[in-house]
Amino acid sequence: MMSPLHRRRMEDMMAKYTRQDILDLIEEEDVKFIRLQFTDIAGNLKNMATTVDQIDKILGGRCRFNCAAVDGFRGVGYEELFLVPDLDTFVTFPWRPQNGKVARFICDIVKPDGTPFKGSSRYILKKVIAEAEQMGYTLDVGIKHEFFLFDLDENGEPTNQSSERGGYFDIGPSDGGENTRRDMVLYLADMGIEVESSYHSDEAAQHALEMAHDNAL
């Protein structure tokens, strides 16, 4: 569950986290691990994990990584790039242990001299948003997630088989995934992500979550 401070911030979207807010949240929510996330040029989510003992280094944008093995980052003239956290993306993972929580920041990427790395997809998105604003537009997105839920075998391992035969907008017992979707929606709500609707989709074992429209960044 969100702490009172975190919930107040999520309710007031105009508010911005400060460094002290982050330090207070880390103490209040008993955060022990922090993941620094970014996306590669193909949109794949990447991350590095560190402990809360490194928080001064994290907030100072001094966490570096070897970019040579990241798709789209090779051959840029630098062996290392730096991750600069967007403080307003701080959130704890509600599905992780609640004693010694795991939190995350979404990060910008900068070069050793502190200037933006132009191969960062987040940097490119920021440029597009700014260009749209200059034209009088606001760039919002509404994402629809479609996915399948399959059975586990006798050893608890995933399979590519499903015993359910639900169809579009069906309910239980035909819809075998309603409890799983409920858990997903509640976890996302705890992270400040609004889900407008969830339902069984067309095919057997196919499900959908429709997110509320929000700023693209």
Foldseek 3Di string as FASTA:
>chain_A
DDDPLVVVCLVVVVDADDLVNVVVRCVVQQAFKEWEWFAALVRDIDIDMDTCVCVVCQQVQNDKDQQCPTPQSHPPPDRIKTWHFRRRQWAWQPVDDSNNTYIYTYTFIGHPVRHGDVRGPVNVVVVVQVVQVVVVDADKDKDKDKDFDADADPVRHGDPHHPAFDAWQDDPPNPVCPVVVVVVQVSCVSSSWHWPDKGAYGGRRMIMTITDIDHPD
